[in-house]
PDB file of N, CA and C in Angstrom:
ATOM      1  N   MET A   1       3.733 -38.784  -3.102  1.00  0.00           N
ATOM      2  CA  MET A   1       3.187 -36.990  -2.513  1.00  0.00           C
ATOM      3  C   MET A   1       3.275 -36.213  -3.776  1.00  0.00           C
ATOM      4  N   LYS A   2       4.310 -36.186  -4.610  1.00  0.00           N
ATOM      5  CA  LYS A   2       4.318 -35.084  -5.651  1.00  0.00           C
ATOM      6  C   LYS A   2       2.984 -35.054  -5.688  1.00  0.00           C
ATOM      7  N   SER A   3       2.159 -35.970  -6.227  1.00  0.00           N
ATOM      8  CA  SER A   3       0.901 -36.112  -7.032  1.00  0.00           C
ATOM      9  C   SER A   3       0.064 -35.334  -5.762  1.00  0.00           C
ATOM     10  N   ILE A   4      -0.410 -35.326  -4.698  1.00  0.00           N
ATOM     11  CA  ILE A   4      -0.700 -35.125  -3.565  1.00  0.00           C
ATOM     12  C   ILE A   4      -0.939 -33.355  -4.175  1.00  0.00           C
ATOM     13  N   VAL A   5       0.789 -32.892  -3.953  1.00  0.00           N
ATOM     14  CA  VAL A   5       0.673 -31.219  -3.808  1.00  0.00           C
ATOM     15  C   VAL A   5       0.331 -30.633  -5.158  1.00  0.00           C
ATOM     16  N   ILE A   6       0.097 -31.380  -6.414  1.00  0.00           N
ATOM     17  CA  ILE A   6      -0.119 -30.738  -7.799  1.00  0.00           C
ATOM     18  C   ILE A   6      -1.616 -31.047  -7.485  1.00  0.00           C
ATOM     19  N   LEU A   7      -2.248 -31.747  -7.154  1.00  0.00           N
ATOM     20  CA  LEU A   7      -3.790 -31.918  -6.510  1.00  0.00           C
ATOM     21  C   LEU A   7      -4.099 -30.923  -5.618  1.00  0.00           C
ATOM     22  N   LEU A   8      -3.423 -30.698  -4.667  1.00  0.00           N
ATOM     23  CA  LEU A   8      -3.529 -29.643  -3.824  1.00  0.00           C
ATOM     24  C   LEU A   8      -3.357 -27.930  -4.310  1.00  0.00           C
ATOM     25  N   PHE A   9      -3.271 -27.713  -5.153  1.00  0.00           N
ATOM     26  CA  PHE A   9      -2.252 -26.993  -6.332  1.00  0.00           C
ATOM     27  C   PHE A   9      -3.413 -26.639  -6.902  1.00  0.00           C
ATOM     28  N   ILE A  10      -4.183 -26.883  -8.119  1.00  0.00           N
ATOM     29  CA  ILE A  10      -5.293 -27.423  -8.570  1.00  0.00           C
ATOM     30  C   ILE A  10      -6.806 -26.822  -8.015  1.00  0.00           C
ATOM     31  N   PHE A  11      -6.645 -27.434  -6.856  1.00  0.00           N
ATOM     32  CA  PHE A  11      -7.818 -27.479  -5.903  1.00  0.00           C
ATOM     33  C   PHE A  11      -7.989 -25.819  -5.503  1.00  0.00           C
ATOM     34  N   LEU A  12      -6.838 -25.636  -5.255  1.00  0.00           N
ATOM     35  CA  LEU A  12      -6.593 -24.400  -4.662  1.00  0.00           C
ATOM     36  C   LEU A  12      -6.946 -23.032  -5.523  1.00  0.00           C
ATOM     37  N   THR A  13      -6.099 -23.093  -6.723  1.00  0.00           N
ATOM     38  CA  THR A  13      -6.492 -21.716  -7.347  1.00  0.00           C
ATOM     39  C   THR A  13      -7.592 -21.923  -8.068  1.00  0.00           C
ATOM     40  N   SER A  14      -8.105 -23.690  -8.387  1.00  0.00           N
ATOM     41  CA  SER A  14      -9.379 -23.474  -9.267  1.00  0.00           C
ATOM     42  C   SER A  14     -10.689 -22.201  -8.043  1.00  0.00           C
ATOM     43  N   PHE A  15     -10.798 -22.126  -7.069  1.00  0.00           N
ATOM     44  CA  PHE A  15     -11.609 -21.240  -6.470  1.00  0.00           C
ATOM     45  C   PHE A  15     -11.243 -19.926  -6.213  1.00  0.00           C
ATOM     46  N   HIS A  16      -9.766 -19.213  -6.453  1.00  0.00           N
ATOM     47  CA  HIS A  16      -9.612 -18.191  -6.488  1.00  0.00           C
ATOM     48  C   HIS A  16      -7.986 -18.032  -7.467  1.00  0.00           C
ATOM     49  N   PRO A  17      -8.970 -17.623  -8.272  1.00  0.00           N
ATOM     50  CA  PRO A  17      -8.014 -17.295 -10.127  1.00  0.00           C
ATOM     51  C   PRO A  17      -7.157 -16.479  -9.437  1.00  0.00           C
ATOM     52  N   ILE A  18      -6.053 -16.104 -10.345  1.00  0.00           N
ATOM     53  CA  ILE A  18      -4.682 -15.322  -9.996  1.00  0.00           C
ATOM     54  C   ILE A  18      -5.135 -14.723 -10.721  1.00  0.00           C
ATOM     55  N   VAL A  19      -5.326 -13.253 -10.205  1.00  0.00           N
ATOM     56  CA  VAL A  19      -5.638 -11.850 -10.901  1.00  0.00           C
ATOM     57  C   VAL A  19      -3.985 -10.726 -11.714  1.00  0.00           C
ATOM     58  N   THR A  20      -3.657 -10.917 -12.375  1.00  0.00           N
ATOM     59  CA  THR A  20      -2.766 -10.316 -13.005  1.00  0.00           C
ATOM     60  C   THR A  20      -2.672  -8.572 -12.927  1.00  0.00           C
ATOM     61  N   LYS A  21      -2.012  -8.115 -12.217  1.00  0.00           N
ATOM     62  CA  LYS A  21      -2.041  -7.008 -12.089  1.00  0.00           C
ATOM     63  C   LYS A  21      -0.930  -5.492 -12.973  1.00  0.00           C
ATOM     64  N   VAL A  22      -1.372  -4.530 -13.629  1.00  0.00           N
ATOM     65  CA  VAL A  22      -0.584  -4.102 -14.453  1.00  0.00           C
ATOM     66  C   VAL A  22      -0.516  -2.293 -13.898  1.00  0.00           C
ATOM     67  N   TYR A  23      -0.309  -1.734 -14.726  1.00  0.00           N
ATOM     68  CA  TYR A  23       0.060  -0.280 -14.484  1.00  0.00           C
ATOM     69  C   TYR A  23      -0.444   0.241 -15.422  1.00  0.00           C
ATOM     70  N   ILE A  24      -1.316   1.448 -15.370  1.00  0.00           N
ATOM     71  CA  ILE A  24      -1.512   2.554 -16.335  1.00  0.00           C
ATOM     72  C   ILE A  24      -1.466   4.013 -15.895  1.00  0.00           C
ATOM     73  N   CYS A  25      -1.035   4.872 -16.778  1.00  0.00           N
ATOM     74  CA  CYS A  25      -1.075   6.459 -16.703  1.00  0.00           C
ATOM     75  C   CYS A  25      -2.620   6.938 -16.478  1.00  0.00           C
ATOM     76  N   GLY A  26      -2.741   7.536 -15.379  1.00  0.00           N
ATOM     77  CA  GLY A  26      -3.968   7.991 -14.791  1.00  0.00           C
ATOM     78  C   GLY A  26      -5.284   7.141 -15.025  1.00  0.00           C
ATOM     79  N   PRO A  27      -6.076   8.118 -14.323  1.00  0.00           N
ATOM     80  CA  PRO A  27      -7.793   6.918 -14.373  1.00  0.00           C
ATOM     81  C   PRO A  27      -8.114   7.069 -15.709  1.00  0.00           C
ATOM     82  N   ARG A  28      -7.772   8.221 -16.896  1.00  0.00           N
ATOM     83  CA  ARG A  28      -8.447   8.638 -17.988  1.00  0.00           C
ATOM     84  C   ARG A  28      -7.121   8.891 -19.027  1.00  0.00           C
ATOM     85  N   GLY A  29      -7.693   8.581 -20.280  1.00  0.00           N
ATOM     86  CA  GLY A  29      -6.499   9.012 -21.064  1.00  0.00           C
ATOM     87  C   GLY A  29      -5.560   7.737 -21.588  1.00  0.00           C
ATOM     88  N   ALA A  30      -5.330   6.586 -21.066  1.00  0.00           N
ATOM     89  CA  ALA A  30      -4.321   5.719 -20.987  1.00  0.00           C
ATOM     90  C   ALA A  30      -4.761   4.663 -22.185  1.00  0.00           C
ATOM     91  N   LYS A  31      -3.350   4.767 -23.294  1.00  0.00           N
ATOM     92  CA  LYS A  31      -3.667   3.673 -23.927  1.00  0.00           C
ATOM     93  C   LYS A  31      -2.926   2.625 -23.991  1.00  0.00           C
ATOM     94  N   LYS A  32      -2.249   2.761 -22.936  1.00  0.00           N
ATOM     95  CA  LYS A  32      -0.831   1.598 -23.029  1.00  0.00           C
ATOM     96  C   LYS A  32      -1.428   0.731 -21.342  1.00  0.00           C
ATOM     97  N   TYR A  33      -1.550  -0.417 -21.443  1.00  0.00           N
ATOM     98  CA  TYR A  33      -1.213  -0.803 -20.192  1.00  0.00           C
ATOM     99  C   TYR A  33       0.346  -1.623 -19.921  1.00  0.00           C
ATOM    100  N   HIS A  34       0.825  -1.447 -18.300  1.00  0.00           N
ATOM    101  CA  HIS A  34       2.451  -1.975 -18.248  1.00  0.00           C
ATOM    102  C   HIS A  34       2.501  -2.919 -17.113  1.00  0.00           C
ATOM    103  N   TYR A  35       3.362  -3.916 -17.159  1.00  0.00           N
ATOM    104  CA  TYR A  35       3.360  -5.107 -16.031  1.00  0.00           C
ATOM    105  C   TYR A  35       4.386  -4.237 -15.344  1.00  0.00           C
ATOM    106  N   THR A  36       4.979  -3.881 -15.089  1.00  0.00           N
ATOM    107  CA  THR A  36       6.272  -3.101 -14.292  1.00  0.00           C
ATOM    108  C   THR A  36       5.960  -1.923 -13.918  1.00  0.00           C
ATOM    109  N   GLU A  37       5.954  -1.319 -12.611  1.00  0.00           N
ATOM    110  CA  GLU A  37       5.646   0.270 -12.694  1.00  0.00           C
ATOM    111  C   GLU A  37       7.030   0.856 -12.763  1.00  0.00           C
ATOM    112  N   ASN A  38       7.723   0.431 -12.771  1.00  0.00           N
ATOM    113  CA  ASN A  38       9.032   1.703 -13.521  1.00  0.00           C
ATOM    114  C   ASN A  38       9.284   1.436 -15.289  1.00  0.00           C
ATOM    115  N   CYS A  39       8.110   0.807 -16.016  1.00  0.00           N
ATOM    116  CA  CYS A  39       8.287   0.904 -17.140  1.00  0.00           C
ATOM    117  C   CYS A  39       8.762   2.353 -17.966  1.00  0.00           C
ATOM    118  N   ARG A  40       9.512   2.291 -18.541  1.00  0.00           N
ATOM    119  CA  ARG A  40      10.243   3.105 -19.661  1.00  0.00           C
ATOM    120  C   ARG A  40       8.850   4.007 -20.173  1.00  0.00           C
ATOM    121  N   GLY A  41       7.980   3.428 -20.747  1.00  0.00           N
ATOM    122  CA  GLY A  41       6.453   4.304 -21.058  1.00  0.00           C
ATOM    123  C   GLY A  41       5.876   4.620 -20.237  1.00  0.00           C
ATOM    124  N   LEU A  42       6.047   4.648 -19.258  1.00  0.00           N
ATOM    125  CA  LEU A  42       5.640   5.192 -17.767  1.00  0.00           C
ATOM    126  C   LEU A  42       5.672   6.606 -17.518  1.00  0.00           C
ATOM    127  N   SER A  43       7.305   6.627 -18.073  1.00  0.00           N
ATOM    128  CA  SER A  43       8.403   7.706 -17.543  1.00  0.00           C
ATOM    129  C   SER A  43       7.877   9.516 -17.358  1.00  0.00           C
ATOM    130  N   ALA A  44       7.204   9.266 -18.343  1.00  0.00           N
ATOM    131  CA  ALA A  44       6.226  10.828 -18.883  1.00  0.00           C
ATOM    132  C   ALA A  44       5.120  10.844 -18.216  1.00  0.00           C
ATOM    133  N   CYS A  45       4.425   9.500 -17.540  1.00  0.00           N
ATOM    134  CA  CYS A  45       3.180  10.360 -17.179  1.00  0.00           C
ATOM    135  C   CYS A  45       2.893  11.368 -16.435  1.00  0.00           C
ATOM    136  N   LYS A  46       2.175  11.989 -16.180  1.00  0.00           N
ATOM    137  CA  LYS A  46       2.030  13.014 -15.205  1.00  0.00           C
ATOM    138  C   LYS A  46       0.601  13.448 -14.187  1.00  0.00           C
ATOM    139  N   HIS A  47      -0.071  12.400 -14.983  1.00  0.00           N
ATOM    140  CA  HIS A  47      -1.690  11.656 -14.029  1.00  0.00           C
ATOM    141  C   HIS A  47      -1.359  11.034 -12.960  1.00  0.00           C
ATOM    142  N   GLY A  48      -0.493  10.296 -13.026  1.00  0.00           N
ATOM    143  CA  GLY A  48      -0.123   9.376 -11.749  1.00  0.00           C
ATOM    144  C   GLY A  48      -0.286   7.921 -11.717  1.00  0.00           C
ATOM    145  N   ILE A  49       0.347   6.881 -11.374  1.00  0.00           N
ATOM    146  CA  ILE A  49       0.317   5.839 -11.731  1.00  0.00           C
ATOM    147  C   ILE A  49      -0.104   4.964 -11.237  1.00  0.00           C
ATOM    148  N   VAL A  50      -1.327   4.450 -11.963  1.00  0.00           N
ATOM    149  CA  VAL A  50      -2.590   3.518 -11.219  1.00  0.00           C
ATOM    150  C   VAL A  50      -2.333   1.867 -11.671  1.00  0.00           C
ATOM    151  N   LYS A  51      -2.596   0.932 -10.603  1.00  0.00           N
ATOM    152  CA  LYS A  51      -2.687  -0.130 -10.556  1.00  0.00           C
ATOM    153  C   LYS A  51      -4.242  -1.017 -10.581  1.00  0.00           C
ATOM    154  N   THR A  52      -4.377  -1.462 -11.696  1.00  0.00           N
ATOM    155  CA  THR A  52      -5.515  -2.236 -12.375  1.00  0.00           C
ATOM    156  C   THR A  52      -5.185  -3.364 -12.711  1.00  0.00           C
ATOM    157  N   SER A  53      -6.451  -4.300 -13.042  1.00  0.00           N
ATOM    158  CA  SER A  53      -6.105  -5.974 -12.904  1.00  0.00           C
ATOM    159  C   SER A  53      -5.757  -5.546 -14.668  1.00  0.00           C
ATOM    160  N   LEU A  54      -5.145  -6.828 -15.180  1.00  0.00           N
ATOM    161  CA  LEU A  54      -4.835  -7.129 -16.556  1.00  0.00           C
ATOM    162  C   LEU A  54      -6.354  -6.974 -17.306  1.00  0.00           C
ATOM    163  N   SER A  55      -7.434  -8.126 -16.878  1.00  0.00           N
ATOM    164  CA  SER A  55      -8.778  -7.862 -17.524  1.00  0.00           C
ATOM    165  C   SER A  55      -9.663  -6.698 -17.447  1.00  0.00           C
ATOM    166  N   GLN A  56      -9.515  -5.756 -16.890  1.00  0.00           N
ATOM    167  CA  GLN A  56      -9.943  -4.468 -16.827  1.00  0.00           C
ATOM    168  C   GLN A  56      -9.375  -3.169 -17.909  1.00  0.00           C
ATOM    169  N   ALA A  57      -8.127  -3.494 -18.210  1.00  0.00           N
ATOM    170  CA  ALA A  57      -7.013  -2.729 -18.705  1.00  0.00           C
ATOM    171  C   ALA A  57      -7.301  -2.801 -20.220  1.00  0.00           C
ATOM    172  N   GLN A  58      -7.740  -4.693 -20.465  1.00  0.00           N
ATOM    173  CA  GLN A  58      -8.108  -4.835 -21.587  1.00  0.00           C
ATOM    174  C   GLN A  58      -9.555  -4.294 -21.527  1.00  0.00           C
ATOM    175  N   ASN A  59     -10.062  -4.594 -20.778  1.00  0.00           N
ATOM    176  CA  ASN A  59     -11.753  -4.337 -21.055  1.00  0.00           C
ATOM    177  C   ASN A  59     -11.774  -2.500 -21.453  1.00  0.00           C
ATOM    178  N   TYR A  60     -10.800  -1.806 -20.845  1.00  0.00           N
ATOM    179  CA  TYR A  60     -10.784  -0.624 -21.338  1.00  0.00           C
ATOM    180  C   TYR A  60     -10.375  -0.440 -23.411  1.00  0.00           C
ATOM    181  N   GLY A  61      -9.834  -1.549 -23.688  1.00  0.00           N
ATOM    182  CA  GLY A  61      -9.148  -1.249 -24.457  1.00  0.00           C
ATOM    183  C   GLY A  61      -7.497  -0.746 -24.973  1.00  0.00           C
ATOM    184  N   LEU A  62      -7.287  -1.056 -23.695  1.00  0.00           N
ATOM    185  CA  LEU A  62      -5.795  -0.757 -23.411  1.00  0.00           C
ATOM    186  C   LEU A  62      -4.999  -1.940 -23.968  1.00  0.00           C
ATOM    187  N   THR A  63      -3.075  -2.339 -24.845  1.00  0.00           N
ATOM    188  CA  THR A  63      -3.032  -2.663 -25.664  1.00  0.00           C
ATOM    189  C   THR A  63      -1.603  -2.415 -24.654  1.00  0.00           C
ATOM    190  N   LEU A  64      -0.870  -3.572 -24.783  1.00  0.00           N
ATOM    191  CA  LEU A  64       0.579  -4.017 -24.132  1.00  0.00           C
ATOM    192  C   LEU A  64       1.402  -2.746 -24.370  1.00  0.00           C
ATOM    193  N   CYS A  65       2.410  -2.250 -23.698  1.00  0.00           N
ATOM    194  CA  CYS A  65       3.418  -1.127 -24.148  1.00  0.00           C
ATOM    195  C   CYS A  65       4.676  -1.829 -25.248  1.00  0.00           C
ATOM    196  N   GLY A  66       4.918  -1.154 -25.956  1.00  0.00           N
ATOM    197  CA  GLY A  66       5.854  -1.605 -26.736  1.00  0.00           C
ATOM    198  C   GLY A  66       7.443  -1.944 -25.942  1.00  0.00           C
ATOM    199  N   TRP A  67       7.309  -1.355 -24.984  1.00  0.00           N
ATOM    200  CA  TRP A  67       8.751  -1.535 -24.382  1.00  0.00           C
ATOM    201  C   TRP A  67       8.631  -3.119 -23.407  1.00  0.00           C
ATOM    202  N   GLU A  68       7.189  -3.677 -23.328  1.00  0.00           N
ATOM    203  CA  GLU A  68       7.008  -4.792 -22.533  1.00  0.00           C
ATOM    204  C   GLU A  68       7.000  -5.930 -23.568  1.00  0.00           C
ATOM    205  N   ASP A  69       6.909  -5.882 -24.562  1.00  0.00           N
ATOM    206  CA  ASP A  69       6.271  -6.856 -25.833  1.00  0.00           C
ATOM    207  C   ASP A  69       7.478  -7.599 -26.320  1.00  0.00           C
TER     208      ASP A  69
END
């Protein structure tokens, strides 16, 4: 039974990759991405917090916030 559950999990996740969501400050000018919306690094954000995918944030050249590493 356990092996059936594992195989089912592998089958289902292979078709729908898990997308990690991150937060950045504003649509432009961000330098860091954050895993949580209430990270200390976002406390001074004045442009609005935007939710995006981790891969897209990394494609923009953003790096992980120092408070979260």
